[in-house]
Amino acid sequence: MMPRDYAVEIEPDASPERIHEIETVIRRALADELCRVAALVDEEDREEHIRFPCEAAQINRKEAQLHLNQT
């Protein structure tokens, strides 16, 4: 699903302007979360805890699961 789909799911009868506002907030939240996880991967790499790309992907999956557990 795309942020617009989530916005419509949140407020199905909202005006196009309101849908855009919700979509903007969702995109901002996604960007913040992606940056946070990227910084976590960078930190793990600097500390040499990451030796293979799959280990970075594992960090992303773990963070995604933690996020899903909060919803």
N, C-alpha and C. Protein backbone atom coordinates (compact mmCIF):
# COMPACT_ATOMS: atom_id res chain seq x y z
N MET A 1 0.83 -1.18 0.00
CA MET A 1 0.00 0.00 0.00
C MET A 1 0.88 1.25 0.00
N MET A 2 0.36 2.27 -0.58
CA MET A 2 1.05 3.56 -0.63
C MET A 2 0.48 4.49 0.45
N PRO A 3 1.21 5.55 0.83
CA PRO A 3 0.69 6.47 1.84
C PRO A 3 -0.71 7.00 1.54
N ARG A 4 -1.01 7.23 0.26
CA ARG A 4 -2.35 7.72 -0.08
C ARG A 4 -3.41 6.67 0.28
N ASP A 5 -3.10 5.40 0.06
CA ASP A 5 -4.04 4.33 0.41
C ASP A 5 -4.32 4.32 1.91
N TYR A 6 -3.26 4.51 2.70
CA TYR A 6 -3.44 4.57 4.15
C TYR A 6 -4.26 5.79 4.55
N ALA A 7 -4.01 6.91 3.89
CA ALA A 7 -4.76 8.13 4.19
C ALA A 7 -6.24 7.92 3.92
N VAL A 8 -6.57 7.29 2.82
CA VAL A 8 -7.97 7.01 2.49
C VAL A 8 -8.57 6.03 3.49
N GLU A 9 -7.77 5.09 3.95
CA GLU A 9 -8.25 4.13 4.95
C GLU A 9 -8.55 4.82 6.27
N ILE A 10 -7.73 5.82 6.62
CA ILE A 10 -7.93 6.56 7.87
C ILE A 10 -9.21 7.38 7.81
N GLU A 11 -9.41 8.11 6.71
CA GLU A 11 -10.60 8.95 6.54
C GLU A 11 -11.18 8.73 5.15
N PRO A 12 -12.00 7.70 5.00
CA PRO A 12 -12.53 7.36 3.67
C PRO A 12 -13.32 8.47 2.99
N ASP A 13 -14.02 9.28 3.76
CA ASP A 13 -14.89 10.31 3.17
C ASP A 13 -14.24 11.69 3.17
N ALA A 14 -12.94 11.76 3.40
CA ALA A 14 -12.25 13.05 3.49
C ALA A 14 -12.14 13.71 2.11
N SER A 15 -12.02 15.02 2.16
CA SER A 15 -11.81 15.78 0.92
C SER A 15 -10.41 15.48 0.38
N PRO A 16 -10.18 15.75 -0.90
CA PRO A 16 -8.84 15.54 -1.47
C PRO A 16 -7.75 16.32 -0.72
N GLU A 17 -8.08 17.52 -0.23
CA GLU A 17 -7.10 18.31 0.51
C GLU A 17 -6.75 17.63 1.83
N ARG A 18 -7.76 17.10 2.52
CA ARG A 18 -7.54 16.41 3.79
C ARG A 18 -6.74 15.12 3.56
N ILE A 19 -7.07 14.38 2.51
CA ILE A 19 -6.32 13.17 2.18
C ILE A 19 -4.85 13.53 1.96
N HIS A 20 -4.61 14.63 1.26
CA HIS A 20 -3.23 15.07 1.01
C HIS A 20 -2.52 15.40 2.32
N GLU A 21 -3.22 16.06 3.25
CA GLU A 21 -2.62 16.40 4.55
C GLU A 21 -2.25 15.13 5.32
N ILE A 22 -3.15 14.17 5.34
CA ILE A 22 -2.88 12.91 6.04
C ILE A 22 -1.71 12.19 5.38
N GLU A 23 -1.72 12.15 4.05
CA GLU A 23 -0.63 11.51 3.31
C GLU A 23 0.70 12.17 3.63
N THR A 24 0.73 13.48 3.74
CA THR A 24 1.96 14.21 4.06
C THR A 24 2.47 13.82 5.44
N VAL A 25 1.58 13.70 6.41
CA VAL A 25 1.98 13.30 7.76
C VAL A 25 2.53 11.87 7.75
N ILE A 26 1.87 10.99 7.02
CA ILE A 26 2.33 9.60 6.92
C ILE A 26 3.71 9.55 6.27
N ARG A 27 3.90 10.31 5.19
CA ARG A 27 5.20 10.32 4.52
C ARG A 27 6.30 10.86 5.44
N ARG A 28 5.98 11.88 6.23
CA ARG A 28 6.95 12.44 7.17
C ARG A 28 7.32 11.40 8.23
N ALA A 29 6.33 10.68 8.74
CA ALA A 29 6.59 9.64 9.73
C ALA A 29 7.45 8.52 9.14
N LEU A 30 7.14 8.12 7.92
CA LEU A 30 7.93 7.08 7.26
C LEU A 30 9.38 7.53 7.05
N ALA A 31 9.55 8.77 6.63
CA ALA A 31 10.89 9.30 6.40
C ALA A 31 11.68 9.34 7.71
N ASP A 32 11.03 9.78 8.80
CA ASP A 32 11.71 9.80 10.10
C ASP A 32 12.13 8.40 10.53
N GLU A 33 11.24 7.44 10.34
CA GLU A 33 11.55 6.07 10.74
C GLU A 33 12.67 5.47 9.88
N LEU A 34 12.62 5.73 8.59
CA LEU A 34 13.67 5.22 7.70
C LEU A 34 15.03 5.82 8.07
N CYS A 35 15.06 7.10 8.38
CA CYS A 35 16.31 7.74 8.78
C CYS A 35 16.82 7.18 10.11
N ARG A 36 15.91 6.92 11.04
CA ARG A 36 16.30 6.35 12.33
C ARG A 36 16.94 4.97 12.14
N VAL A 37 16.32 4.14 11.31
CA VAL A 37 16.85 2.79 11.08
C VAL A 37 18.16 2.86 10.29
N ALA A 38 18.26 3.78 9.34
CA ALA A 38 19.52 3.94 8.60
C ALA A 38 20.64 4.34 9.55
N ALA A 39 20.35 5.21 10.49
CA ALA A 39 21.36 5.61 11.47
C ALA A 39 21.75 4.43 12.35
N LEU A 40 20.79 3.59 12.68
CA LEU A 40 21.07 2.40 13.47
C LEU A 40 21.99 1.45 12.69
N VAL A 41 21.72 1.26 11.42
CA VAL A 41 22.57 0.41 10.58
C VAL A 41 23.97 1.01 10.48
N ASP A 42 24.05 2.33 10.28
CA ASP A 42 25.36 2.99 10.22
C ASP A 42 26.16 2.78 11.50
N GLU A 43 25.47 2.93 12.63
CA GLU A 43 26.14 2.75 13.92
C GLU A 43 26.65 1.32 14.08
N GLU A 44 25.81 0.36 13.74
CA GLU A 44 26.22 -1.04 13.83
C GLU A 44 27.40 -1.32 12.90
N ASP A 45 27.40 -0.70 11.73
CA ASP A 45 28.50 -0.89 10.79
C ASP A 45 29.80 -0.27 11.32
N ARG A 46 29.71 0.93 11.88
CA ARG A 46 30.89 1.58 12.46
C ARG A 46 31.49 0.75 13.59
N GLU A 47 30.63 0.10 14.35
CA GLU A 47 31.09 -0.74 15.46
C GLU A 47 31.50 -2.14 14.97
N GLU A 48 31.48 -2.30 13.64
CA GLU A 48 31.88 -3.54 12.98
C GLU A 48 31.04 -4.75 13.41
N HIS A 49 29.75 -4.51 13.67
CA HIS A 49 28.82 -5.60 13.96
C HIS A 49 28.18 -6.12 12.69
N ILE A 50 28.39 -5.41 11.59
CA ILE A 50 27.84 -5.82 10.30
C ILE A 50 29.00 -6.23 9.40
N ARG A 51 28.96 -7.46 8.96
CA ARG A 51 30.00 -7.95 8.06
C ARG A 51 29.43 -8.26 6.68
N PHE A 52 28.15 -8.57 6.61
CA PHE A 52 27.49 -8.93 5.36
C PHE A 52 26.22 -8.12 5.19
N PRO A 53 25.82 -7.81 3.95
CA PRO A 53 24.59 -7.03 3.72
C PRO A 53 23.35 -7.64 4.36
N CYS A 54 23.30 -8.96 4.44
CA CYS A 54 22.11 -9.59 5.03
C CYS A 54 21.97 -9.22 6.51
N GLU A 55 23.06 -8.86 7.17
CA GLU A 55 22.97 -8.45 8.57
C GLU A 55 22.31 -7.08 8.69
N ALA A 56 22.53 -6.21 7.73
CA ALA A 56 21.84 -4.91 7.72
C ALA A 56 20.34 -5.13 7.47
N ALA A 57 20.03 -6.03 6.55
CA ALA A 57 18.63 -6.34 6.28
C ALA A 57 17.96 -6.94 7.52
N GLN A 58 18.69 -7.72 8.26
CA GLN A 58 18.15 -8.32 9.48
C GLN A 58 17.79 -7.24 10.50
N ILE A 59 18.61 -6.22 10.60
CA ILE A 59 18.31 -5.09 11.49
C ILE A 59 17.02 -4.42 11.04
N ASN A 60 16.87 -4.22 9.74
CA ASN A 60 15.65 -3.59 9.23
C ASN A 60 14.41 -4.44 9.55
N ARG A 61 14.51 -5.73 9.35
CA ARG A 61 13.37 -6.60 9.64
C ARG A 61 13.03 -6.59 11.13
N LYS A 62 14.04 -6.59 11.97
CA LYS A 62 13.81 -6.55 13.42
C LYS A 62 13.10 -5.26 13.82
N GLU A 63 13.57 -4.14 13.28
CA GLU A 63 12.94 -2.86 13.58
C GLU A 63 11.50 -2.80 13.05
N ALA A 64 11.27 -3.36 11.88
CA ALA A 64 9.92 -3.40 11.31
C ALA A 64 9.00 -4.22 12.23
N GLN A 65 9.48 -5.34 12.71
CA GLN A 65 8.67 -6.18 13.59
C GLN A 65 8.36 -5.45 14.89
N LEU A 66 9.35 -4.76 15.45
CA LEU A 66 9.09 -3.97 16.67
C LEU A 66 8.03 -2.91 16.42
N HIS A 67 8.09 -2.28 15.25
CA HIS A 67 7.12 -1.26 14.90
C HIS A 67 5.72 -1.87 14.77
N LEU A 68 5.63 -3.02 14.11
CA LEU A 68 4.33 -3.67 13.95
C LEU A 68 3.75 -4.10 15.30
N ASN A 69 4.59 -4.47 16.23
CA ASN A 69 4.11 -4.88 17.55
C ASN A 69 3.49 -3.71 18.31
N GLN A 70 3.82 -2.48 17.93
CA GLN A 70 3.27 -1.30 18.60
C GLN A 70 1.93 -0.88 18.02
N THR A 71 1.53 -1.46 16.91
CA THR A 71 0.26 -1.05 16.28
C THR A 71 -0.86 -1.97 16.66
